[in-house]
N, C-alpha and C. Protein backbone atom coordinates (compact mmCIF):
# COMPACT_ATOMS: atom_id res chain seq x y z
N MET A 1 -19.49 -24.95 -11.09
CA MET A 1 -18.93 -24.31 -10.04
C MET A 1 -19.45 -25.48 -8.39
N SER A 2 -18.59 -25.47 -7.93
CA SER A 2 -18.50 -25.68 -6.55
C SER A 2 -19.06 -24.93 -5.58
N VAL A 3 -19.77 -25.18 -4.76
CA VAL A 3 -19.98 -24.66 -3.07
C VAL A 3 -18.65 -24.05 -3.01
N ALA A 4 -17.32 -24.58 -3.16
CA ALA A 4 -16.18 -24.02 -2.58
C ALA A 4 -15.77 -22.95 -3.09
N LYS A 5 -15.80 -23.34 -4.63
CA LYS A 5 -15.29 -22.03 -5.10
C LYS A 5 -16.13 -21.08 -5.18
N ALA A 6 -17.51 -20.97 -5.13
CA ALA A 6 -18.64 -19.87 -5.04
C ALA A 6 -17.79 -19.20 -3.96
N GLU A 7 -17.64 -20.01 -2.72
CA GLU A 7 -17.27 -19.28 -1.40
C GLU A 7 -15.81 -18.37 -1.51
N LYS A 8 -15.16 -18.79 -2.18
CA LYS A 8 -13.72 -18.75 -2.51
C LYS A 8 -14.00 -17.25 -3.36
N ILE A 9 -14.71 -17.07 -3.61
CA ILE A 9 -15.02 -16.09 -4.93
C ILE A 9 -15.20 -14.54 -3.91
N ASN A 10 -16.33 -14.82 -3.04
CA ASN A 10 -16.60 -14.11 -2.20
C ASN A 10 -15.88 -13.72 -1.20
N VAL A 11 -14.73 -13.85 -1.01
CA VAL A 11 -13.78 -13.81 0.12
C VAL A 11 -13.12 -12.72 0.17
N LYS A 12 -13.38 -11.74 1.03
CA LYS A 12 -12.56 -10.43 1.05
C LYS A 12 -11.82 -10.60 2.49
N TYR A 13 -10.27 -9.89 2.10
CA TYR A 13 -9.58 -9.98 3.11
C TYR A 13 -9.31 -8.37 3.48
N HIS A 14 -9.07 -7.85 4.74
CA HIS A 14 -9.19 -7.03 5.34
C HIS A 14 -8.24 -6.41 6.74
N PHE A 15 -7.68 -6.06 6.73
CA PHE A 15 -6.44 -5.91 7.70
C PHE A 15 -6.46 -4.60 8.31
N ASP A 16 -6.90 -4.52 9.37
CA ASP A 16 -6.93 -3.63 9.91
C ASP A 16 -5.62 -2.73 10.61
N SER A 17 -4.25 -3.89 10.73
CA SER A 17 -3.64 -3.67 10.91
C SER A 17 -2.52 -2.48 10.04
N ILE A 18 -2.85 -3.08 8.76
CA ILE A 18 -2.21 -2.50 7.23
C ILE A 18 -2.78 -0.88 7.39
N ASP A 19 -4.35 -0.84 7.84
CA ASP A 19 -4.59 0.53 8.00
C ASP A 19 -4.21 1.70 8.70
N ILE A 20 -3.76 0.87 9.96
CA ILE A 20 -2.85 1.71 11.20
C ILE A 20 -1.41 1.90 10.20
N LEU A 21 -0.67 0.97 9.67
CA LEU A 21 0.30 1.26 9.55
C LEU A 21 0.43 2.21 7.78
N ARG A 22 -0.71 2.30 7.46
CA ARG A 22 -0.72 3.24 6.25
C ARG A 22 -0.62 4.62 7.03
N GLY A 23 -1.81 4.99 7.98
CA GLY A 23 -2.33 5.96 8.62
C GLY A 23 -0.91 6.53 9.34
N PHE A 24 -0.07 5.89 9.66
CA PHE A 24 1.01 6.13 10.65
C PHE A 24 2.36 6.76 9.70
N ALA A 25 2.42 5.94 8.20
CA ALA A 25 3.13 6.05 7.56
C ALA A 25 2.97 7.81 6.56
N ALA A 26 1.46 8.03 6.63
CA ALA A 26 1.17 9.27 5.90
C ALA A 26 1.58 10.42 7.07
N ILE A 27 1.26 9.92 8.48
CA ILE A 27 1.57 11.11 9.36
C ILE A 27 2.90 11.19 9.18
N SER A 28 3.90 10.15 9.41
CA SER A 28 5.63 10.28 9.19
C SER A 28 5.98 11.23 8.36
N VAL A 29 5.63 11.25 7.23
CA VAL A 29 5.99 11.79 6.18
C VAL A 29 5.17 13.48 6.41
N VAL A 30 4.30 13.71 6.75
CA VAL A 30 3.30 15.13 6.96
C VAL A 30 4.29 16.14 8.03
N VAL A 31 4.66 14.99 9.08
CA VAL A 31 5.71 15.62 10.05
C VAL A 31 7.03 15.90 9.50
N TYR A 32 7.93 15.18 8.58
CA TYR A 32 8.74 15.41 8.94
C TYR A 32 8.84 16.60 7.77
N HIS A 33 7.92 16.84 6.53
CA HIS A 33 7.81 17.66 5.43
C HIS A 33 7.35 19.25 6.59
N VAL A 34 7.04 18.93 7.63
CA VAL A 34 6.59 20.37 8.51
C VAL A 34 7.60 20.53 9.06
N ILE A 35 8.83 19.21 10.01
CA ILE A 35 10.16 19.77 10.40
C ILE A 35 10.68 20.73 9.21
N GLU A 36 10.99 19.77 8.21
CA GLU A 36 12.16 20.70 6.81
C GLU A 36 11.72 21.54 6.37
N HIS A 37 9.84 22.01 6.11
CA HIS A 37 10.08 23.35 5.69
C HIS A 37 10.02 24.79 6.41
N PHE A 38 9.49 24.33 7.76
CA PHE A 38 9.96 24.99 8.87
C PHE A 38 10.75 25.40 9.74
N ASN A 39 11.62 24.86 9.31
CA ASN A 39 13.22 24.35 9.99
C ASN A 39 13.35 24.74 11.80
N TRP A 40 12.03 23.39 12.09
CA TRP A 40 11.74 23.05 13.38
C TRP A 40 12.60 22.76 14.06
N SER A 41 13.56 23.46 14.35
CA SER A 41 15.29 22.71 15.12
C SER A 41 14.67 22.36 16.44
N SER A 42 14.15 22.69 17.24
CA SER A 42 13.90 22.25 18.49
C SER A 42 12.47 20.95 18.58
N PHE A 43 12.38 20.82 17.37
CA PHE A 43 11.97 19.25 17.44
C PHE A 43 12.65 18.13 17.65
N PRO A 44 12.41 17.28 18.93
CA PRO A 44 13.17 16.17 19.16
C PRO A 44 14.17 15.69 18.40
N THR A 45 15.51 14.96 18.96
CA THR A 45 16.22 14.76 17.63
C THR A 45 16.76 13.03 18.32
N SER A 46 15.85 12.74 19.82
CA SER A 46 16.12 11.47 20.12
C SER A 46 14.99 11.08 20.64
N GLY A 47 15.36 9.64 21.11
CA GLY A 47 13.85 9.21 21.71
C GLY A 47 12.96 8.61 19.84
N PRO A 48 11.57 8.48 20.81
CA PRO A 48 10.74 7.63 19.61
C PRO A 48 10.32 8.84 18.91
N LEU A 49 10.35 10.09 19.39
CA LEU A 49 9.90 11.00 17.95
C LEU A 49 10.84 11.30 16.95
N LEU A 50 12.58 10.83 17.05
CA LEU A 50 13.27 10.54 15.97
C LEU A 50 12.77 10.21 14.98
N TRP A 51 12.13 9.24 14.55
CA TRP A 51 11.26 8.41 13.68
C TRP A 51 10.68 9.48 12.61
N PHE A 52 10.17 10.75 12.74
CA PHE A 52 9.70 11.44 12.40
C PHE A 52 10.60 12.12 11.43
N ARG A 53 11.93 12.26 11.94
CA ARG A 53 13.07 13.36 11.24
C ARG A 53 13.71 11.95 10.35
N PHE A 54 12.68 11.05 9.97
CA PHE A 54 13.54 10.30 9.27
C PHE A 54 12.30 9.95 8.03
N GLY A 55 11.42 10.88 7.03
CA GLY A 55 10.67 10.97 6.37
C GLY A 55 10.34 10.10 5.82
N TRP A 56 11.70 9.50 4.98
CA TRP A 56 11.31 8.22 3.85
C TRP A 56 10.95 7.25 4.29
N MET A 57 11.20 7.08 5.77
CA MET A 57 10.90 5.46 6.07
C MET A 57 9.42 5.41 5.96
N GLY A 58 8.78 6.68 5.90
CA GLY A 58 7.24 6.47 5.92
C GLY A 58 6.77 6.30 4.34
N VAL A 59 7.68 6.67 3.21
CA VAL A 59 7.15 6.51 1.94
C VAL A 59 8.03 5.15 1.81
N ASP A 60 8.65 4.35 2.50
CA ASP A 60 9.34 2.97 2.39
C ASP A 60 8.08 2.13 3.02
N MET A 61 7.40 2.59 4.08
CA MET A 61 6.31 1.82 4.30
C MET A 61 5.40 1.57 3.67
N PHE A 62 4.84 2.57 2.73
CA PHE A 62 4.02 2.74 1.73
C PHE A 62 4.38 2.00 0.65
N PHE A 63 5.19 1.51 -0.24
CA PHE A 63 6.37 0.82 -0.94
C PHE A 63 5.61 -0.57 -0.76
N VAL A 64 6.21 -0.74 0.96
CA VAL A 64 6.27 -2.41 1.18
C VAL A 64 4.66 -2.76 1.46
N ILE A 65 3.44 -1.96 2.04
CA ILE A 65 1.56 -1.77 2.21
C ILE A 65 1.37 -1.99 0.64
N SER A 66 2.10 -1.31 0.14
CA SER A 66 1.58 -1.68 -1.72
C SER A 66 1.87 -2.94 -2.44
N GLY A 67 2.94 -3.62 -2.36
CA GLY A 67 3.58 -4.55 -2.39
C GLY A 67 2.59 -5.64 -2.30
N PHE A 68 2.38 -5.70 -0.54
CA PHE A 68 1.98 -6.90 0.19
C PHE A 68 0.28 -6.69 -0.54
N VAL A 69 -0.63 -5.20 -0.35
CA VAL A 69 -1.81 -5.63 -1.51
C VAL A 69 -2.27 -5.68 -2.67
N ILE A 70 -0.74 -5.43 -3.35
CA ILE A 70 -0.88 -6.09 -4.63
C ILE A 70 -0.95 -7.65 -4.82
N ALA A 71 0.19 -7.80 -3.69
CA ALA A 71 0.36 -9.84 -3.86
C ALA A 71 -1.06 -10.16 -3.65
N MET A 72 -1.84 -10.10 -2.67
CA MET A 72 -3.01 -10.41 -1.77
C MET A 72 -4.10 -10.59 -3.15
N SER A 73 -4.14 -9.55 -3.42
CA SER A 73 -5.36 -9.64 -4.94
C SER A 73 -4.86 -9.94 -5.52
N ALA A 74 -3.02 -10.23 -6.28
CA ALA A 74 -2.76 -11.04 -7.27
C ALA A 74 -3.24 -12.90 -7.21
N PHE A 75 -2.96 -12.88 -5.28
CA PHE A 75 -2.95 -14.49 -5.71
C PHE A 75 -4.36 -14.78 -5.16
N LYS A 76 -5.25 -13.94 -4.73
CA LYS A 76 -6.45 -14.15 -4.75
C LYS A 76 -7.35 -14.32 -5.80
N GLN A 77 -6.61 -13.53 -7.38
CA GLN A 77 -7.60 -13.39 -8.38
C GLN A 77 -6.62 -15.09 -9.12
N LEU A 78 -5.20 -15.33 -8.77
CA LEU A 78 -4.58 -16.33 -9.42
C LEU A 78 -5.58 -17.61 -9.02
N GLU A 79 -5.85 -17.91 -7.67
CA GLU A 79 -6.69 -18.66 -7.11
C GLU A 79 -7.91 -18.83 -7.50
N ASN A 80 -9.10 -17.76 -8.03
CA ASN A 80 -10.12 -17.84 -7.97
C ASN A 80 -10.24 -18.33 -9.81
N ASN A 81 -9.36 -17.26 -10.70
CA ASN A 81 -9.23 -17.90 -12.25
C ASN A 81 -8.30 -18.71 -12.89
N GLY A 82 -7.61 -19.13 -11.58
CA GLY A 82 -6.32 -20.17 -12.59
C GLY A 82 -5.36 -19.32 -13.59
N THR A 83 -4.30 -19.83 -13.73
CA THR A 83 -3.22 -19.20 -14.36
C THR A 83 -3.45 -18.92 -15.81
N GLU A 84 -4.09 -19.14 -16.82
CA GLU A 84 -4.30 -18.85 -18.35
C GLU A 84 -5.16 -17.51 -17.75
N LYS A 85 -5.90 -17.07 -17.20
CA LYS A 85 -6.71 -16.00 -16.90
C LYS A 85 -6.24 -14.87 -16.39
N PHE A 86 -5.33 -15.13 -15.91
CA PHE A 86 -4.94 -14.64 -14.83
C PHE A 86 -4.19 -13.15 -15.24
N ILE A 87 -2.78 -13.55 -15.98
CA ILE A 87 -1.81 -12.72 -16.66
C ILE A 87 -2.78 -11.23 -17.28
N PRO A 88 -3.29 -11.87 -18.31
CA PRO A 88 -4.23 -10.39 -19.01
C PRO A 88 -5.45 -9.72 -18.07
N SER A 89 -5.76 -10.72 -17.37
CA SER A 89 -6.56 -9.90 -15.98
C SER A 89 -5.76 -8.85 -15.53
N PHE A 90 -4.63 -9.54 -14.71
CA PHE A 90 -3.95 -8.78 -13.73
C PHE A 90 -3.41 -7.44 -14.45
N MET A 91 -2.73 -7.68 -15.64
CA MET A 91 -2.11 -6.79 -16.49
C MET A 91 -3.08 -5.46 -16.99
N LYS A 92 -4.31 -5.78 -17.23
CA LYS A 92 -5.53 -4.74 -17.44
C LYS A 92 -5.67 -4.00 -16.07
N ARG A 93 -5.92 -4.59 -15.18
CA ARG A 93 -6.41 -3.75 -14.03
C ARG A 93 -4.96 -2.92 -13.64
N ARG A 94 -4.22 -3.28 -13.56
CA ARG A 94 -2.69 -2.79 -13.53
C ARG A 94 -2.47 -1.22 -14.39
N LEU A 95 -2.58 -1.57 -15.52
CA LEU A 95 -2.71 -0.37 -15.91
C LEU A 95 -3.81 0.56 -16.50
N ARG A 96 -5.35 0.09 -15.86
CA ARG A 96 -6.26 0.99 -15.38
C ARG A 96 -5.60 1.97 -14.86
N ARG A 97 -5.16 1.57 -13.57
CA ARG A 97 -4.69 2.10 -12.12
C ARG A 97 -3.66 3.30 -12.54
N ILE A 98 -2.63 2.87 -13.37
CA ILE A 98 -1.29 3.61 -13.58
C ILE A 98 -1.19 4.40 -14.70
N VAL A 99 -1.70 4.17 -15.88
CA VAL A 99 -1.46 4.92 -16.88
C VAL A 99 -2.54 6.19 -16.54
N PRO A 100 -3.44 6.00 -16.78
CA PRO A 100 -4.06 7.55 -16.30
C PRO A 100 -3.43 8.24 -15.47
N LEU A 101 -2.64 8.09 -14.39
CA LEU A 101 -2.18 8.92 -13.27
C LEU A 101 -0.68 9.30 -13.71
N HIS A 102 -0.13 8.23 -14.71
CA HIS A 102 0.80 8.69 -15.38
C HIS A 102 0.44 10.03 -16.25
N TYR A 103 -0.20 10.12 -17.24
CA TYR A 103 -0.98 11.31 -18.43
C TYR A 103 -1.15 12.36 -17.59
N ILE A 104 -1.78 12.13 -15.80
CA ILE A 104 -2.19 13.45 -15.55
C ILE A 104 -1.42 14.16 -14.45
N THR A 105 0.11 13.38 -14.46
CA THR A 105 1.28 13.80 -14.01
C THR A 105 1.93 14.27 -14.95
């Protein structure tokens, strides 16, 4: 194994801005539910706080962030393992995460 290949394996990506977006998305959904559940009619209906009246956009942000994170993980695995080992490895990892949650819920 070449030195360049060994260095690629240990590279981990972390984007602080993704964490900020994830936190904002979570807060958006929680605030939306508080507004709706408690019939908070005095919550602003204009300006920048209007965003919180559209809580579904926080859920959409989660989907976009998840797609980005999964794609980054997949591209890294594809680069490190090659095409032949990628598909079985990727499917096993995805199923290990999804199937237990499916049966729990």
